[in-house]
């Protein structure tokens, strides 16, 4: 399970980083606007790398940060849906963010279970 969480961390980290770079490329405010996504992607990469030697605790931190970011983005986007404000793709984006949040919560839960099993041994 730890290897699966590490592989997922690298894959999701790459998707988050590349998606945000593609979305913000050429924007004069690239760094402040993309910083949260890039930091979470870096946390996922770090977690996948450090989990080899330090067990599942870095995975808990990385996936927890990812879940927090997805929750924040989903909350901000659902404001457009609930208040019927104009935004292109608001329903589609909300569904994708909800699925990404579900993945993050599942991965955090699995990493916590691995950490508990390691603590019991």
Foldseek 3Di string as FASTA:
>chain_A
DLLVLLVVLQVVLVVLVVVLCVVCPPPPCSCVVSVLSNVLSVLSNVQSVCCVPPNLPSSLVSLVSQLVVLVVVLVVLVVCVVVVNDDPPSVVVNVVSVVSNVVSVVSNVVSVVRVVVVVVD
